Amino acid sequence: MKIDFIERKGRVLTISALKCLSQVASLNPTLGCVHQCVYCYARGYSMYPGDGKVFVYGNMPEKLKKELSSRRKLPAYVFFSTTCDALQPIPQVLRVTYELMEVLLEYGVGVNLLTKGRIPVKFLQLFSQYKKMVHVQIGITTLNRDIQKRIEPYAATPQERIRNIERLRATGIVPEVKLDPLIPGVTDTEPNITDLFRALQGLGVNSTGINYLFLRPQIKKNLQKALGGTPFLPEIMRHYQNSKPMNLLAEQSRVIALGVEYRRQAYEKISRRAGDFGIHAYVCGCKNPDITEEPLCGENWGRHFEKTLGQKRLFTEEFPCKNIFTE
């Protein structure tokens, strides 16, 4: 693994092309991610440094302070991270991420974190001081370690993510869970979903976002490399055999998605199963525009922060939408 510090030349706070993040400040403390999830769309970007390489923006905390101090209005919250995991198990990454979150929270800006990594105690202690300003999303689609280590080889184990939820609950923070991406025939099976929802119910989780895997050229290559010779690969390819391209307008990209009726019926089934355990499962329009136009992810995040709508509009006026990879 090669870890290098690099300088962030552009703004720290950017706008994502994802519909749910189109009016939300976001940042990525690194280029590249050690987790190497087979479904990671960022591994196909031209700016991706390559597997086994992570570039850390060492100057980002100081630049963030300058940006915040020069702004007339501050965003309600900042989203970590759209193209990497901010809690990769790398000391350099964790140090920069901690400093960034500490700066934001001290300025009164909330933190919204999506992770499939292990949350260190130091972060939990920081979060406990700003409970109302922190919203954490835990990405998990299976409790089966054999499946998980094939699709997310260097991410935290399912047991570590369950422990994340337990520790967050102990600090007074109820995390949201993201079942994203679900892989047809692998992680969306009745036994897998039931086991997961049963565990989440016992942890007091009451909300989860669900979304199916999109096939892109790089993701298909990653799947073939990681799952070749296993029964998982032919099962996945069978489900996508008759799938058609779909435009994700928010990302200005074209992906291969499972058929709309397959997804619609599967989402309804999974939602009913989640309801059996007292969990609200929702489908967001940012990744399923042919099913719903509602950007529900953003609405859910916004509930956790005060004055979100007004400050989001102010942020949008000062920061026009742009793609982080074109800076």
Protein backbone atom coordinates (compact mmCIF):
# COMPACT_ATOMS: atom_id res chain seq x y z
CA MET A 1 0.00 0.00 0.00
CA LYS A 2 1.37 3.38 -1.03
CA ILE A 3 0.27 6.38 1.07
CA ASP A 4 1.31 9.89 0.04
CA PHE A 5 0.32 13.39 1.15
CA ILE A 6 -0.73 15.78 -1.59
CA GLU A 7 -1.96 19.38 -1.61
CA ARG A 8 -5.55 20.32 -2.19
CA LYS A 9 -5.42 23.15 -4.73
CA GLY A 10 -9.12 23.83 -5.22
CA ARG A 11 -11.86 24.49 -2.70
CA VAL A 12 -12.27 22.02 0.12
CA LEU A 13 -16.07 22.21 0.13
CA THR A 14 -17.56 21.11 -3.17
CA ILE A 15 -20.88 20.11 -4.67
CA SER A 16 -21.57 16.56 -5.82
CA ALA A 17 -23.41 15.73 -9.04
CA LEU A 18 -25.63 13.33 -7.10
CA LYS A 19 -29.17 14.67 -6.83
CA CYS A 20 -29.29 14.16 -3.06
CA LEU A 21 -26.10 16.16 -2.66
CA SER A 22 -26.81 18.83 -5.27
CA GLN A 23 -27.38 21.46 -2.58
CA VAL A 24 -25.12 20.04 0.11
CA ALA A 25 -21.52 20.85 0.92
CA SER A 26 -19.33 17.77 0.66
CA LEU A 27 -15.67 16.89 0.89
CA ASN A 28 -13.31 13.99 0.29
CA PRO A 29 -10.13 13.88 2.39
CA THR A 30 -8.40 11.50 -0.02
CA LEU A 31 -8.03 10.38 -3.58
CA GLY A 32 -8.36 6.60 -3.55
CA CYS A 33 -9.62 4.18 -0.94
CA VAL A 34 -7.98 1.18 0.66
CA HIS A 35 -11.27 -0.72 1.02
CA GLN A 36 -11.31 -1.62 -2.70
CA CYS A 37 -14.99 -2.60 -2.76
CA VAL A 38 -15.77 -4.38 -6.02
CA TYR A 39 -18.81 -2.18 -6.65
CA CYS A 40 -17.04 1.16 -6.09
CA TYR A 41 -17.81 3.47 -9.01
CA ALA A 42 -14.89 5.77 -8.11
CA ARG A 43 -12.41 3.07 -9.13
CA GLY A 44 -13.41 3.80 -12.72
CA TYR A 45 -12.76 7.55 -12.57
CA SER A 46 -9.79 9.03 -14.42
CA MET A 47 -8.60 10.70 -11.20
CA TYR A 48 -8.56 7.40 -9.30
CA PRO A 49 -4.88 6.78 -8.42
CA GLY A 50 -5.13 3.00 -8.77
CA ASP A 51 -5.59 0.11 -6.39
CA GLY A 52 -3.05 0.07 -3.60
CA LYS A 53 -2.59 3.87 -3.67
CA VAL A 54 -4.17 6.48 -1.43
CA PHE A 55 -3.34 10.18 -1.67
CA VAL A 56 -4.22 12.19 1.45
CA TYR A 57 -4.94 15.93 1.28
CA GLY A 58 -2.64 16.94 4.10
CA ASN A 59 -3.36 20.68 3.77
CA MET A 60 -7.13 20.30 3.76
CA PRO A 61 -7.83 21.10 7.46
CA GLU A 62 -6.01 24.43 7.23
CA LYS A 63 -7.69 25.30 3.94
CA LEU A 64 -11.06 24.43 5.45
CA LYS A 65 -10.49 26.89 8.31
CA LYS A 66 -9.74 29.66 5.83
CA GLU A 67 -12.81 28.85 3.75
CA LEU A 68 -15.13 28.86 6.73
CA SER A 69 -13.67 32.04 8.22
CA SER A 70 -14.15 33.90 4.93
CA ARG A 71 -17.77 32.86 4.35
CA ARG A 72 -20.72 35.13 5.09
CA LYS A 73 -22.97 32.13 5.73
CA LEU A 74 -21.97 28.62 6.74
CA PRO A 75 -23.56 25.42 5.42
CA ALA A 76 -25.81 23.58 7.86
CA TYR A 77 -23.71 20.45 7.49
CA VAL A 78 -21.03 18.82 5.38
CA PHE A 79 -21.19 15.35 3.87
CA PHE A 80 -18.20 12.95 4.11
CA SER A 81 -17.47 11.47 1.49
CA THR A 82 -18.76 10.91 -2.03
CA THR A 83 -15.85 9.00 -3.56
CA CYS A 84 -13.87 7.54 -0.69
CA ASP A 85 -14.35 6.35 2.88
CA ALA A 86 -13.19 8.97 5.37
CA LEU A 87 -12.53 6.27 7.99
CA GLN A 88 -10.13 4.09 6.07
CA PRO A 89 -7.86 2.16 8.48
CA ILE A 90 -4.85 4.33 7.65
CA PRO A 91 -3.40 6.60 10.38
CA GLN A 92 -2.76 9.48 7.96
CA VAL A 93 -6.35 9.39 6.68
CA LEU A 94 -7.84 9.16 10.16
CA ARG A 95 -5.77 12.10 11.40
CA VAL A 96 -6.82 14.41 8.55
CA THR A 97 -10.46 13.29 8.78
CA TYR A 98 -10.53 13.92 12.52
CA GLU A 99 -9.05 17.40 12.11
CA LEU A 100 -11.60 18.24 9.40
CA MET A 101 -14.54 17.11 11.51
CA GLU A 102 -13.20 18.92 14.55
CA VAL A 103 -12.91 22.16 12.58
CA LEU A 104 -16.45 21.87 11.20
CA LEU A 105 -18.02 21.09 14.55
CA GLU A 106 -16.18 23.92 16.28
CA TYR A 107 -17.56 26.29 13.63
CA GLY A 108 -21.07 25.01 14.32
CA VAL A 109 -21.30 23.05 11.05
CA GLY A 110 -22.81 19.58 11.26
CA VAL A 111 -21.10 16.43 10.03
CA ASN A 112 -22.79 13.76 7.93
CA LEU A 113 -20.67 10.63 7.59
CA LEU A 114 -21.15 7.51 5.48
CA THR A 115 -18.70 4.73 6.30
CA LYS A 116 -17.99 1.05 5.89
CA GLY A 117 -14.97 1.32 8.14
CA ARG A 118 -14.41 0.94 11.86
CA ILE A 119 -15.10 4.09 13.89
CA PRO A 120 -12.17 4.71 16.26
CA VAL A 121 -12.81 5.62 19.90
CA LYS A 122 -11.34 9.09 19.36
CA PHE A 123 -14.10 9.88 16.84
CA LEU A 124 -16.79 8.53 19.13
CA GLN A 125 -15.56 10.82 21.88
CA LEU A 126 -15.72 13.79 19.50
CA PHE A 127 -19.21 12.85 18.31
CA SER A 128 -20.46 12.54 21.88
CA GLN A 129 -19.68 16.24 22.41
CA TYR A 130 -21.80 17.26 19.40
CA LYS A 131 -24.60 14.70 19.30
CA LYS A 132 -27.16 16.92 17.60
CA MET A 133 -24.66 17.95 14.94
CA VAL A 134 -23.57 14.48 13.85
CA HIS A 135 -25.43 12.10 11.57
CA VAL A 136 -23.77 8.75 10.85
CA GLN A 137 -24.69 6.28 8.14
CA ILE A 138 -23.32 2.75 8.31
CA GLY A 139 -23.07 0.89 5.01
CA ILE A 140 -23.82 -2.82 5.42
CA THR A 141 -25.64 -5.36 3.25
CA THR A 142 -24.80 -8.68 4.87
CA LEU A 143 -23.72 -10.32 8.11
CA ASN A 144 -22.08 -13.13 6.16
CA ARG A 145 -18.33 -12.64 6.51
CA ASP A 146 -17.53 -14.98 3.59
CA ILE A 147 -19.63 -12.87 1.21
CA GLN A 148 -18.54 -9.55 2.66
CA LYS A 149 -14.81 -10.16 2.44
CA ARG A 150 -15.14 -10.98 -1.27
CA ILE A 151 -17.05 -7.83 -2.19
CA GLU A 152 -15.44 -5.48 0.37
CA PRO A 153 -12.03 -7.06 0.97
CA TYR A 154 -10.46 -4.37 3.16
CA ALA A 155 -13.52 -2.73 4.74
CA ALA A 156 -14.58 -3.38 8.32
CA THR A 157 -16.15 -6.77 8.98
CA PRO A 158 -19.91 -7.03 9.50
CA GLN A 159 -19.27 -7.60 13.19
CA GLU A 160 -17.17 -4.43 13.42
CA ARG A 161 -19.95 -2.43 11.77
CA ILE A 162 -22.49 -3.85 14.20
CA ARG A 163 -20.12 -2.76 16.94
CA ASN A 164 -20.04 0.72 15.37
CA ILE A 165 -23.80 0.92 15.79
CA GLU A 166 -23.63 -0.27 19.39
CA ARG A 167 -20.99 2.31 20.28
CA LEU A 168 -22.84 5.11 18.52
CA ARG A 169 -26.00 4.21 20.41
CA ALA A 170 -24.03 4.32 23.65
CA THR A 171 -23.07 7.93 22.87
CA GLY A 172 -26.69 8.87 22.17
CA ILE A 173 -26.47 8.80 18.36
CA VAL A 174 -28.89 6.60 16.42
CA PRO A 175 -27.23 5.85 13.08
CA GLU A 176 -28.96 5.22 9.79
CA VAL A 177 -28.08 2.08 7.83
CA LYS A 178 -27.52 2.02 4.07
CA LEU A 179 -28.16 -1.24 2.22
CA ASP A 180 -26.27 0.01 -0.78
CA PRO A 181 -25.54 -1.60 -3.07
CA LEU A 182 -27.63 -4.73 -2.82
CA ILE A 183 -26.33 -7.44 -5.14
CA PRO A 184 -29.06 -9.54 -6.77
CA GLY A 185 -28.99 -13.20 -5.85
CA VAL A 186 -26.24 -12.60 -3.29
CA THR A 187 -27.20 -10.04 -0.64
CA ASP A 188 -30.90 -9.53 -1.43
CA THR A 189 -31.94 -13.09 -0.54
CA GLU A 190 -34.66 -13.63 2.07
CA PRO A 191 -32.33 -15.31 4.62
CA ASN A 192 -29.67 -12.62 4.27
CA ILE A 193 -32.10 -9.71 4.54
CA THR A 194 -33.97 -11.29 7.46
CA ASP A 195 -30.80 -11.92 9.47
CA LEU A 196 -29.64 -8.36 8.86
CA PHE A 197 -32.93 -6.69 9.79
CA ARG A 198 -33.24 -8.85 12.90
CA ALA A 199 -29.80 -7.70 14.05
CA LEU A 200 -30.57 -4.07 13.25
CA GLN A 201 -33.84 -4.21 15.17
CA GLY A 202 -31.97 -5.38 18.25
CA LEU A 203 -29.68 -2.36 17.89
CA GLY A 204 -32.52 0.15 17.72
CA VAL A 205 -31.97 1.11 14.07
CA ASN A 206 -35.20 2.48 12.59
CA SER A 207 -34.26 3.77 9.13
CA THR A 208 -32.45 2.30 6.14
CA GLY A 209 -31.92 3.31 2.55
CA ILE A 210 -31.92 0.56 -0.08
CA ASN A 211 -30.44 0.53 -3.57
CA TYR A 212 -29.32 -2.07 -6.10
CA LEU A 213 -25.93 -2.39 -7.74
CA PHE A 214 -25.33 -0.57 -11.02
CA LEU A 215 -23.05 -2.25 -13.53
CA ARG A 216 -20.43 -0.03 -15.10
CA PRO A 217 -17.49 -1.30 -17.20
CA GLN A 218 -14.98 -1.00 -14.34
CA ILE A 219 -17.35 -2.56 -11.82
CA LYS A 220 -17.94 -5.51 -14.13
CA LYS A 221 -14.18 -6.02 -14.39
CA ASN A 222 -13.82 -5.81 -10.62
CA LEU A 223 -16.58 -8.38 -10.12
CA GLN A 224 -15.01 -10.76 -12.60
CA LYS A 225 -11.62 -10.43 -10.92
CA ALA A 226 -12.89 -10.77 -7.36
CA LEU A 227 -15.62 -13.37 -7.87
CA GLY A 228 -14.32 -15.40 -10.81
CA GLY A 229 -14.51 -19.11 -10.04
CA THR A 230 -17.24 -18.61 -7.43
CA PRO A 231 -20.98 -19.28 -7.81
CA PHE A 232 -21.60 -15.60 -7.07
CA LEU A 233 -20.40 -14.26 -10.42
CA PRO A 234 -22.70 -16.29 -12.73
CA GLU A 235 -25.62 -15.59 -10.40
CA ILE A 236 -25.00 -11.84 -10.59
CA MET A 237 -24.50 -11.84 -14.37
CA ARG A 238 -27.69 -13.86 -14.82
CA HIS A 239 -29.73 -11.11 -13.19
CA TYR A 240 -28.20 -8.44 -15.42
CA GLN A 241 -28.42 -10.48 -18.62
CA ASN A 242 -31.51 -8.69 -19.94
CA SER A 243 -30.93 -5.36 -18.22
CA LYS A 244 -30.91 -2.09 -20.12
CA PRO A 245 -28.88 1.11 -19.80
CA MET A 246 -30.30 3.86 -17.62
CA ASN A 247 -29.31 7.50 -17.49
CA LEU A 248 -28.50 8.86 -14.07
CA LEU A 249 -29.07 12.50 -14.88
CA ALA A 250 -27.68 13.63 -11.55
CA GLU A 251 -24.35 11.99 -12.31
CA GLN A 252 -24.49 12.67 -16.05
CA SER A 253 -23.64 9.03 -16.53
CA ARG A 254 -25.09 5.93 -18.10
CA VAL A 255 -25.27 2.68 -16.14
CA ILE A 256 -26.65 -0.82 -16.51
CA ALA A 257 -29.44 -1.23 -14.00
CA LEU A 258 -31.68 -4.13 -13.12
CA GLY A 259 -35.06 -3.89 -14.82
CA VAL A 260 -37.40 -1.37 -13.29
CA GLU A 261 -40.04 -3.96 -12.44
CA TYR A 262 -37.48 -6.24 -10.83
CA ARG A 263 -36.24 -3.38 -8.67
CA ARG A 264 -39.71 -2.12 -7.87
CA GLN A 265 -40.94 -5.53 -6.72
CA ALA A 266 -37.72 -6.26 -4.83
CA TYR A 267 -37.80 -2.91 -3.05
CA GLU A 268 -41.42 -3.48 -2.02
CA LYS A 269 -40.56 -6.94 -0.69
CA ILE A 270 -37.52 -5.71 1.22
CA SER A 271 -39.48 -2.75 2.60
CA ARG A 272 -42.20 -5.06 3.89
CA ARG A 273 -39.60 -7.30 5.49
CA ALA A 274 -37.93 -4.29 7.12
CA GLY A 275 -41.34 -3.20 8.42
CA ASP A 276 -41.72 -6.57 10.13
CA PHE A 277 -38.81 -5.50 12.32
CA GLY A 278 -39.99 -1.94 12.87
CA ILE A 279 -37.56 -0.46 10.35
CA HIS A 280 -38.51 2.08 7.68
CA ALA A 281 -36.81 1.25 4.37
CA TYR A 282 -36.85 3.85 1.62
CA VAL A 283 -35.77 4.14 -2.02
CA CYS A 284 -34.20 7.40 -3.12
CA GLY A 285 -34.72 9.05 -6.48
CA CYS A 286 -31.05 9.97 -6.84
CA LYS A 287 -30.28 6.39 -7.89
CA ASN A 288 -33.74 5.23 -8.93
CA PRO A 289 -35.17 8.05 -11.06
CA ASP A 290 -37.42 5.62 -12.93
CA ILE A 291 -39.14 4.63 -9.67
CA THR A 292 -39.33 7.86 -7.69
CA GLU A 293 -38.30 11.47 -8.17
CA GLU A 294 -38.04 12.17 -4.46
CA PRO A 295 -34.47 12.77 -3.18
CA LEU A 296 -35.24 11.06 0.12
CA CYS A 297 -31.64 10.65 1.26
CA GLY A 298 -31.22 14.40 1.49
CA GLU A 299 -34.53 14.84 3.28
CA ASN A 300 -33.56 12.25 5.89
CA TRP A 301 -30.18 13.86 6.48
CA GLY A 302 -31.73 17.30 6.74
CA ARG A 303 -33.94 16.25 9.66
CA HIS A 304 -30.82 15.89 11.78
CA PHE A 305 -29.68 19.47 11.39
CA GLU A 306 -31.22 22.80 12.30
CA LYS A 307 -32.15 25.40 9.65
CA THR A 308 -31.02 23.02 6.91
CA LEU A 309 -33.17 24.30 4.05
CA GLY A 310 -32.36 27.98 4.44
CA GLN A 311 -28.65 27.43 4.76
CA LYS A 312 -28.56 24.95 1.90
CA ARG A 313 -30.02 27.62 -0.41
CA LEU A 314 -27.41 30.12 0.72
CA PHE A 315 -24.69 27.57 0.12
CA THR A 316 -25.94 26.88 -3.39
CA GLU A 317 -25.87 30.58 -4.27
CA GLU A 318 -22.22 30.86 -3.31
CA PHE A 319 -21.01 27.53 -4.64
CA PRO A 320 -22.33 26.59 -8.10
CA CYS A 321 -22.58 22.86 -8.81
CA LYS A 322 -19.41 21.27 -10.04
CA ASN A 323 -17.76 17.90 -10.27
CA ILE A 324 -14.90 17.29 -7.85
CA PHE A 325 -13.02 15.31 -10.51
CA THR A 326 -12.87 18.20 -12.96
CA GLU A 327 -11.07 20.66 -10.71
